[in-house]
């Protein structure tokens, strides 16, 4: 009988471990820390020396996405993009109007990130309601059509 219990506990442990490996970790409630913005096909979040991340949060009781760019280059760059949201239904909602294009200039080795109530980086704060009605439908954020240009 003890052998069966041990065997059952062993297989239960393996089952639980395998579930944890397969669990979705990119759900907004699962990770309040900065998550990578996939810039490359292989899932990398660094392109041309620019590292990109996002964080789901609240600002003034409103659901928002904070965007962060880090310039690892030794020269300034201009970063341009359109905001995009990926839903739980696996659909992209892109903002592609020319007037909605965002851009910032980063000095060499500079970091810029969205923060609540700081107007200096207001472009790096994205309101969820501008894309979807309910935060529960949010899966991840992306910087669509991202371009990086060296500033001379």
N, C-alpha and C. Protein backbone atom coordinates (compact mmCIF):
# COMPACT_ATOMS: atom_id res chain seq x y z
N UNK A 1 0.82 -1.20 0.00
CA UNK A 1 0.00 0.00 0.00
C UNK A 1 0.87 1.26 0.00
N UNK A 2 1.96 1.25 0.79
CA UNK A 2 2.84 2.42 0.85
C UNK A 2 3.48 2.69 -0.51
N UNK A 3 3.77 1.60 -1.25
CA UNK A 3 4.36 1.77 -2.56
C UNK A 3 3.40 2.49 -3.51
N UNK A 4 2.12 2.13 -3.45
CA UNK A 4 1.13 2.78 -4.30
C UNK A 4 0.97 4.25 -3.96
N UNK A 5 0.97 4.57 -2.68
CA UNK A 5 0.85 5.97 -2.26
C UNK A 5 2.06 6.76 -2.73
N UNK A 6 3.24 6.20 -2.55
CA UNK A 6 4.47 6.89 -3.01
C UNK A 6 4.44 7.08 -4.52
N UNK A 7 4.04 6.04 -5.23
CA UNK A 7 3.97 6.12 -6.69
C UNK A 7 2.95 7.18 -7.11
N UNK A 8 1.80 7.20 -6.45
CA UNK A 8 0.78 8.19 -6.75
C UNK A 8 1.30 9.61 -6.50
N UNK A 9 1.96 9.81 -5.35
CA UNK A 9 2.51 11.13 -5.02
C UNK A 9 3.59 11.52 -6.02
N UNK A 10 4.41 10.58 -6.43
CA UNK A 10 5.46 10.84 -7.42
C UNK A 10 4.85 11.32 -8.73
N UNK A 11 3.87 10.58 -9.25
CA UNK A 11 3.24 10.96 -10.52
C UNK A 11 2.44 12.26 -10.39
N UNK A 12 1.84 12.48 -9.24
CA UNK A 12 1.13 13.73 -9.01
C UNK A 12 2.11 14.90 -9.04
N UNK A 13 3.27 14.71 -8.44
CA UNK A 13 4.30 15.74 -8.45
C UNK A 13 4.78 16.05 -9.85
N UNK A 14 5.01 15.02 -10.64
CA UNK A 14 5.45 15.21 -12.03
C UNK A 14 4.35 15.92 -12.82
N UNK A 15 3.11 15.53 -12.62
CA UNK A 15 2.00 16.17 -13.31
C UNK A 15 1.92 17.66 -12.96
N UNK A 16 2.01 17.98 -11.68
CA UNK A 16 1.94 19.38 -11.24
C UNK A 16 3.12 20.18 -11.78
N UNK A 17 4.30 19.59 -11.79
CA UNK A 17 5.48 20.27 -12.32
C UNK A 17 5.31 20.54 -13.81
N UNK A 18 4.80 19.56 -14.56
CA UNK A 18 4.60 19.76 -16.00
C UNK A 18 3.56 20.83 -16.27
N UNK A 19 2.54 20.92 -15.43
CA UNK A 19 1.55 21.98 -15.59
C UNK A 19 2.16 23.35 -15.38
N UNK A 20 3.04 23.46 -14.41
CA UNK A 20 3.67 24.76 -14.15
C UNK A 20 4.57 25.16 -15.29
N UNK A 21 5.18 24.21 -15.98
CA UNK A 21 6.02 24.54 -17.13
C UNK A 21 5.20 25.02 -18.31
N UNK A 22 3.99 24.50 -18.44
CA UNK A 22 3.15 24.84 -19.57
C UNK A 22 2.22 26.02 -19.29
N UNK A 23 2.18 26.48 -18.08
CA UNK A 23 1.27 27.57 -17.72
C UNK A 23 1.64 28.84 -18.46
N UNK A 24 0.64 29.65 -18.79
CA UNK A 24 0.91 30.92 -19.44
C UNK A 24 1.47 31.89 -18.41
N UNK A 25 2.61 32.46 -18.74
CA UNK A 25 3.22 33.42 -17.82
C UNK A 25 3.08 34.84 -18.32
N UNK A 26 2.52 35.04 -19.51
CA UNK A 26 2.42 36.40 -20.01
C UNK A 26 1.05 37.02 -19.77
N UNK A 27 0.23 36.40 -18.94
CA UNK A 27 -1.03 37.03 -18.59
C UNK A 27 -0.75 38.24 -17.71
N UNK A 28 -1.51 39.30 -17.86
CA UNK A 28 -1.21 40.51 -17.13
C UNK A 28 -1.22 40.35 -15.61
N UNK A 29 -2.04 39.47 -15.09
CA UNK A 29 -2.09 39.31 -13.65
C UNK A 29 -0.98 38.40 -13.15
N UNK A 30 -0.35 37.65 -14.05
CA UNK A 30 0.68 36.70 -13.64
C UNK A 30 2.01 37.37 -13.36
N UNK A 31 2.30 38.47 -14.02
CA UNK A 31 3.60 39.09 -13.87
C UNK A 31 3.49 40.60 -13.86
N UNK A 32 3.55 41.22 -12.69
CA UNK A 32 3.44 42.68 -12.65
C UNK A 32 4.74 43.38 -13.03
N UNK A 33 5.81 42.63 -13.25
CA UNK A 33 7.08 43.22 -13.63
C UNK A 33 7.10 43.54 -15.12
N UNK A 34 8.20 44.16 -15.55
CA UNK A 34 8.37 44.49 -16.96
C UNK A 34 8.48 43.20 -17.76
N UNK A 35 7.73 43.15 -18.87
CA UNK A 35 7.74 42.01 -19.77
C UNK A 35 8.30 42.45 -21.11
N UNK A 36 8.95 41.56 -21.83
CA UNK A 36 9.55 41.95 -23.11
C UNK A 36 8.50 42.28 -24.16
N UNK A 37 8.80 43.29 -24.96
CA UNK A 37 8.01 43.55 -26.17
C UNK A 37 8.73 42.80 -27.27
N UNK A 38 8.06 41.85 -27.87
CA UNK A 38 8.71 41.02 -28.88
C UNK A 38 8.95 41.84 -30.14
N UNK A 39 10.20 42.17 -30.38
CA UNK A 39 10.58 42.97 -31.54
C UNK A 39 11.07 42.11 -32.69
N UNK A 40 11.54 40.92 -32.37
CA UNK A 40 12.10 40.03 -33.38
C UNK A 40 11.25 38.76 -33.48
N UNK A 41 11.34 38.10 -34.59
CA UNK A 41 10.57 36.89 -34.84
C UNK A 41 10.87 35.82 -33.78
N UNK A 42 12.11 35.78 -33.30
CA UNK A 42 12.48 34.76 -32.31
C UNK A 42 12.09 35.15 -30.89
N UNK A 43 11.38 36.26 -30.72
CA UNK A 43 10.91 36.67 -29.40
C UNK A 43 11.86 37.61 -28.68
N UNK A 44 12.93 38.00 -29.31
CA UNK A 44 13.87 38.92 -28.68
C UNK A 44 13.27 40.30 -28.50
N UNK A 45 13.70 40.99 -27.44
CA UNK A 45 13.15 42.33 -27.19
C UNK A 45 14.21 43.42 -27.35
N UNK A 46 15.29 43.11 -28.05
CA UNK A 46 16.31 44.11 -28.36
C UNK A 46 16.53 44.14 -29.87
N UNK A 47 16.46 45.36 -30.42
CA UNK A 47 16.65 45.54 -31.85
C UNK A 47 17.48 46.80 -32.06
N UNK A 48 18.54 46.68 -32.83
CA UNK A 48 19.42 47.81 -33.14
C UNK A 48 19.85 48.55 -31.88
N UNK A 49 20.11 47.81 -30.82
CA UNK A 49 20.60 48.41 -29.58
C UNK A 49 19.52 48.97 -28.67
N UNK A 50 18.26 48.84 -29.05
CA UNK A 50 17.15 49.33 -28.24
C UNK A 50 16.43 48.15 -27.62
N UNK A 51 16.32 48.17 -26.30
CA UNK A 51 15.59 47.15 -25.56
C UNK A 51 14.21 47.70 -25.24
N UNK A 52 13.17 46.88 -25.45
CA UNK A 52 11.79 47.33 -25.25
C UNK A 52 11.04 46.40 -24.31
N UNK A 53 10.31 47.00 -23.36
CA UNK A 53 9.52 46.23 -22.39
C UNK A 53 8.20 46.96 -22.13
N UNK A 54 7.25 46.22 -21.55
CA UNK A 54 5.98 46.83 -21.15
C UNK A 54 5.57 46.30 -19.79
N UNK A 55 4.66 47.04 -19.16
CA UNK A 55 4.15 46.65 -17.84
C UNK A 55 2.68 47.06 -17.77
N UNK A 56 1.83 46.13 -17.41
CA UNK A 56 0.41 46.43 -17.22
C UNK A 56 0.23 46.98 -15.80
N UNK A 57 -0.49 48.10 -15.67
CA UNK A 57 -0.64 48.72 -14.36
C UNK A 57 -1.92 49.56 -14.33
N UNK A 58 -2.01 50.40 -13.30
CA UNK A 58 -3.12 51.34 -13.17
C UNK A 58 -2.54 52.73 -12.95
N UNK A 59 -3.25 53.72 -13.46
CA UNK A 59 -2.91 55.12 -13.24
C UNK A 59 -4.23 55.87 -13.07
N UNK A 60 -4.41 56.49 -11.93
CA UNK A 60 -5.67 57.19 -11.62
C UNK A 60 -6.88 56.27 -11.82
N UNK A 61 -6.82 55.07 -11.31
CA UNK A 61 -7.90 54.08 -11.37
C UNK A 61 -8.18 53.60 -12.79
N UNK A 62 -7.29 53.87 -13.71
CA UNK A 62 -7.48 53.47 -15.10
C UNK A 62 -6.41 52.45 -15.48
N UNK A 63 -6.81 51.39 -16.21
CA UNK A 63 -5.86 50.38 -16.67
C UNK A 63 -4.99 50.95 -17.79
N UNK A 64 -3.68 50.82 -17.61
CA UNK A 64 -2.73 51.35 -18.59
C UNK A 64 -1.60 50.35 -18.82
N UNK A 65 -0.89 50.58 -19.91
CA UNK A 65 0.34 49.87 -20.21
C UNK A 65 1.45 50.91 -20.17
N UNK A 66 2.47 50.64 -19.38
CA UNK A 66 3.67 51.47 -19.38
C UNK A 66 4.66 50.84 -20.35
N UNK A 67 5.28 51.66 -21.18
CA UNK A 67 6.27 51.20 -22.14
C UNK A 67 7.63 51.72 -21.70
N UNK A 68 8.64 50.88 -21.89
CA UNK A 68 10.00 51.27 -21.52
C UNK A 68 10.95 50.95 -22.67
N UNK A 69 11.77 51.94 -23.02
CA UNK A 69 12.83 51.75 -24.01
C UNK A 69 14.16 52.07 -23.35
N UNK A 70 15.15 51.23 -23.63
CA UNK A 70 16.50 51.46 -23.13
C UNK A 70 17.43 51.48 -24.33
N UNK A 71 18.17 52.59 -24.47
CA UNK A 71 19.14 52.72 -25.56
C UNK A 71 20.49 52.22 -25.08
N UNK A 72 20.93 51.09 -25.60
CA UNK A 72 22.23 50.52 -25.24
C UNK A 72 23.33 50.98 -26.19
N UNK A 73 23.00 51.87 -27.10
CA UNK A 73 23.98 52.39 -28.05
C UNK A 73 24.81 53.50 -27.43
N UNK A 74 25.92 53.79 -28.05
CA UNK A 74 26.79 54.89 -27.59
C UNK A 74 26.48 56.19 -28.33
N UNK A 75 25.34 56.23 -29.00
CA UNK A 75 24.90 57.40 -29.74
C UNK A 75 23.39 57.55 -29.57
N UNK A 76 22.86 58.77 -29.77
CA UNK A 76 21.41 58.98 -29.62
C UNK A 76 20.64 58.36 -30.79
N UNK A 77 19.40 57.98 -30.51
CA UNK A 77 18.53 57.39 -31.52
C UNK A 77 17.12 57.97 -31.41
N UNK A 78 16.43 57.92 -32.52
CA UNK A 78 15.01 58.26 -32.55
C UNK A 78 14.24 56.97 -32.71
N UNK A 79 13.26 56.73 -31.83
CA UNK A 79 12.45 55.51 -31.84
C UNK A 79 11.04 55.93 -32.25
N UNK A 80 10.50 55.26 -33.28
CA UNK A 80 9.14 55.56 -33.75
C UNK A 80 8.34 54.26 -33.79
N UNK A 81 7.05 54.34 -33.45
CA UNK A 81 6.20 53.15 -33.41
C UNK A 81 4.73 53.53 -33.35
N UNK A 82 3.89 52.52 -33.56
CA UNK A 82 2.45 52.59 -33.34
C UNK A 82 2.12 51.63 -32.21
N UNK A 83 1.21 52.00 -31.34
CA UNK A 83 0.78 51.10 -30.27
C UNK A 83 -0.06 49.97 -30.85
N UNK A 84 0.08 48.78 -30.26
CA UNK A 84 -0.73 47.63 -30.66
C UNK A 84 -0.99 46.76 -29.42
N UNK A 85 -2.18 46.18 -29.37
CA UNK A 85 -2.56 45.31 -28.25
C UNK A 85 -2.99 43.96 -28.81
N UNK A 86 -2.52 42.91 -28.18
CA UNK A 86 -2.89 41.53 -28.53
C UNK A 86 -3.92 41.08 -27.50
N UNK A 87 -5.03 40.53 -27.98
CA UNK A 87 -6.13 40.17 -27.08
C UNK A 87 -6.08 38.69 -26.70
N UNK A 88 -6.87 38.34 -25.71
CA UNK A 88 -6.99 36.94 -25.30
C UNK A 88 -7.60 36.10 -26.43
N UNK A 89 -8.30 36.74 -27.36
CA UNK A 89 -8.86 36.04 -28.51
C UNK A 89 -7.84 35.88 -29.63
N UNK A 90 -6.57 36.23 -29.33
CA UNK A 90 -5.44 36.09 -30.26
C UNK A 90 -5.59 36.98 -31.49
N UNK A 91 -6.06 38.21 -31.27
CA UNK A 91 -6.20 39.18 -32.35
C UNK A 91 -5.40 40.43 -32.00
N UNK A 92 -4.73 40.98 -33.01
CA UNK A 92 -4.01 42.23 -32.83
C UNK A 92 -4.95 43.39 -33.12
N UNK A 93 -4.89 44.40 -32.26
CA UNK A 93 -5.60 45.65 -32.50
C UNK A 93 -4.50 46.70 -32.64
N UNK A 94 -4.31 47.17 -33.87
CA UNK A 94 -3.23 48.11 -34.17
C UNK A 94 -3.77 49.51 -34.37
N UNK A 95 -3.02 50.47 -33.93
CA UNK A 95 -3.30 51.87 -34.22
C UNK A 95 -2.35 52.27 -35.34
N UNK A 96 -2.90 52.56 -36.52
CA UNK A 96 -2.03 52.82 -37.66
C UNK A 96 -2.30 54.16 -38.35
N UNK A 97 -3.10 55.01 -37.72
CA UNK A 97 -3.31 56.34 -38.30
C UNK A 97 -2.01 57.12 -38.19
N UNK A 98 -1.65 57.84 -39.21
CA UNK A 98 -0.39 58.61 -39.21
C UNK A 98 -0.32 59.52 -37.99
N UNK A 99 -1.43 60.11 -37.61
CA UNK A 99 -1.45 61.01 -36.45
C UNK A 99 -1.17 60.28 -35.14
N UNK A 100 -1.35 58.95 -35.13
CA UNK A 100 -1.14 58.18 -33.90
C UNK A 100 0.29 57.67 -33.75
N UNK A 101 1.12 57.92 -34.75
CA UNK A 101 2.51 57.46 -34.67
C UNK A 101 3.21 58.19 -33.54
N UNK A 102 3.95 57.43 -32.74
CA UNK A 102 4.65 58.00 -31.59
C UNK A 102 6.15 57.98 -31.85
N UNK A 103 6.86 58.90 -31.22
CA UNK A 103 8.32 58.90 -31.34
C UNK A 103 8.94 59.57 -30.12
N UNK A 104 10.11 59.07 -29.78
CA UNK A 104 10.92 59.69 -28.73
C UNK A 104 12.38 59.63 -29.18
N UNK A 105 13.17 60.53 -28.65
CA UNK A 105 14.60 60.51 -28.89
C UNK A 105 15.29 60.15 -27.59
N UNK A 106 16.17 59.17 -27.68
CA UNK A 106 16.91 58.71 -26.51
C UNK A 106 18.39 59.02 -26.68
N UNK A 107 18.97 59.61 -25.67
CA UNK A 107 20.41 59.86 -25.68
C UNK A 107 21.14 58.53 -25.55
N UNK A 108 22.44 58.55 -25.74
CA UNK A 108 23.25 57.34 -25.57
C UNK A 108 23.04 56.77 -24.17
N UNK A 109 22.82 55.48 -24.09
CA UNK A 109 22.65 54.76 -22.82
C UNK A 109 21.53 55.31 -21.94
N UNK A 110 20.52 55.89 -22.53
CA UNK A 110 19.40 56.46 -21.76
C UNK A 110 18.24 55.47 -21.71
N UNK A 111 17.48 55.55 -20.61
CA UNK A 111 16.26 54.77 -20.43
C UNK A 111 15.09 55.73 -20.31
N UNK A 112 13.99 55.42 -20.99
CA UNK A 112 12.76 56.20 -20.86
C UNK A 112 11.62 55.22 -20.61
N UNK A 113 10.80 55.54 -19.61
CA UNK A 113 9.67 54.65 -19.31
C UNK A 113 8.46 55.47 -18.91
N UNK A 114 7.31 54.90 -19.21
CA UNK A 114 6.06 55.54 -18.83
C UNK A 114 5.84 55.46 -17.33
N UNK A 115 5.34 56.53 -16.78
CA UNK A 115 5.04 56.59 -15.35
C UNK A 115 3.77 57.40 -15.16
N UNK A 116 3.01 57.03 -14.17
CA UNK A 116 1.77 57.72 -13.87
C UNK A 116 2.08 59.16 -13.43
N UNK A 117 1.32 60.09 -13.96
CA UNK A 117 1.40 61.51 -13.57
C UNK A 117 2.69 62.20 -13.97
N UNK A 118 3.49 61.61 -14.84
CA UNK A 118 4.69 62.29 -15.34
C UNK A 118 4.46 62.59 -16.82
N UNK A 119 4.24 63.83 -17.14
CA UNK A 119 3.91 64.21 -18.51
C UNK A 119 5.11 64.13 -19.44
N UNK A 120 6.33 64.08 -18.90
CA UNK A 120 7.52 64.04 -19.74
C UNK A 120 7.51 62.83 -20.66
N UNK A 121 7.01 61.71 -20.20
CA UNK A 121 6.97 60.50 -21.02
C UNK A 121 5.54 60.02 -21.24
N UNK A 122 4.65 60.95 -21.48
CA UNK A 122 3.23 60.60 -21.67
C UNK A 122 3.03 59.66 -22.85
N UNK A 123 3.90 59.72 -23.86
CA UNK A 123 3.78 58.84 -25.02
C UNK A 123 4.01 57.38 -24.63
N UNK A 124 4.61 57.17 -23.47
CA UNK A 124 4.93 55.82 -23.03
C UNK A 124 3.89 55.26 -22.07
N UNK A 125 2.73 55.92 -22.01
CA UNK A 125 1.59 55.43 -21.22
C UNK A 125 0.44 55.21 -22.19
N UNK A 126 -0.03 53.97 -22.27
CA UNK A 126 -1.08 53.59 -23.22
C UNK A 126 -2.32 53.19 -22.43
N UNK A 127 -3.43 53.84 -22.72
CA UNK A 127 -4.69 53.50 -22.04
C UNK A 127 -5.29 52.26 -22.70
N UNK A 128 -5.56 51.27 -21.88
CA UNK A 128 -6.14 50.01 -22.37
C UNK A 128 -7.48 50.26 -23.05
N UNK A 129 -8.29 51.16 -22.49
CA UNK A 129 -9.64 51.39 -23.03
C UNK A 129 -9.62 51.96 -24.45
N UNK A 130 -8.48 52.50 -24.88
CA UNK A 130 -8.38 52.98 -26.25
C UNK A 130 -8.34 51.83 -27.26
N UNK A 131 -8.12 50.61 -26.76
CA UNK A 131 -8.01 49.45 -27.63
C UNK A 131 -9.08 48.39 -27.35
N UNK A 132 -9.32 48.11 -26.07
CA UNK A 132 -10.30 47.10 -25.69
C UNK A 132 -11.10 47.60 -24.49
N UNK A 133 -12.30 47.05 -24.31
CA UNK A 133 -13.17 47.51 -23.24
C UNK A 133 -12.74 47.03 -21.86
N UNK A 134 -12.25 45.80 -21.79
CA UNK A 134 -11.98 45.18 -20.49
C UNK A 134 -10.54 44.67 -20.43
N UNK A 135 -9.88 44.95 -19.34
CA UNK A 135 -8.49 44.51 -19.14
C UNK A 135 -8.37 42.99 -19.23
N UNK A 136 -9.43 42.28 -18.92
CA UNK A 136 -9.40 40.81 -18.98
C UNK A 136 -9.13 40.32 -20.40
N UNK A 137 -9.44 41.13 -21.41
CA UNK A 137 -9.21 40.76 -22.80
C UNK A 137 -7.78 41.02 -23.25
N UNK A 138 -6.99 41.69 -22.41
CA UNK A 138 -5.61 42.05 -22.75
C UNK A 138 -4.69 40.85 -22.57
N UNK A 139 -3.83 40.61 -23.58
CA UNK A 139 -2.84 39.55 -23.47
C UNK A 139 -1.43 40.13 -23.44
N UNK A 140 -1.13 41.02 -24.39
CA UNK A 140 0.19 41.66 -24.39
C UNK A 140 0.18 42.91 -25.27
N UNK A 141 1.24 43.68 -25.14
CA UNK A 141 1.42 44.93 -25.87
C UNK A 141 2.55 44.76 -26.89
N UNK A 142 2.49 45.53 -27.96
CA UNK A 142 3.59 45.55 -28.92
C UNK A 142 3.75 46.94 -29.50
N UNK A 143 4.97 47.22 -29.91
CA UNK A 143 5.28 48.46 -30.63
C UNK A 143 5.30 48.09 -32.11
N UNK A 144 4.19 48.34 -32.79
CA UNK A 144 4.05 47.98 -34.18
C UNK A 144 4.86 48.91 -35.08
N UNK A 145 5.42 48.36 -36.14
CA UNK A 145 6.21 49.11 -37.13
C UNK A 145 7.31 49.93 -36.46
N UNK A 146 7.98 49.37 -35.50
CA UNK A 146 9.05 50.05 -34.77
C UNK A 146 10.22 50.34 -35.71
N UNK A 147 10.66 51.59 -35.72
CA UNK A 147 11.85 51.97 -36.45
C UNK A 147 12.81 52.70 -35.53
N UNK A 148 14.08 52.47 -35.73
CA UNK A 148 15.13 53.09 -34.92
C UNK A 148 16.10 53.76 -35.87
N UNK A 149 16.32 55.05 -35.65
CA UNK A 149 17.18 55.83 -36.52
C UNK A 149 18.23 56.54 -35.68
N UNK A 150 19.48 56.45 -36.10
CA UNK A 150 20.55 57.17 -35.39
C UNK A 150 20.36 58.66 -35.61
N UNK A 151 20.53 59.44 -34.56
CA UNK A 151 20.39 60.89 -34.61
C UNK A 151 21.78 61.49 -34.76
N UNK A 152 21.94 62.36 -35.72
CA UNK A 152 23.27 62.97 -35.96
C UNK A 152 23.29 64.40 -35.53
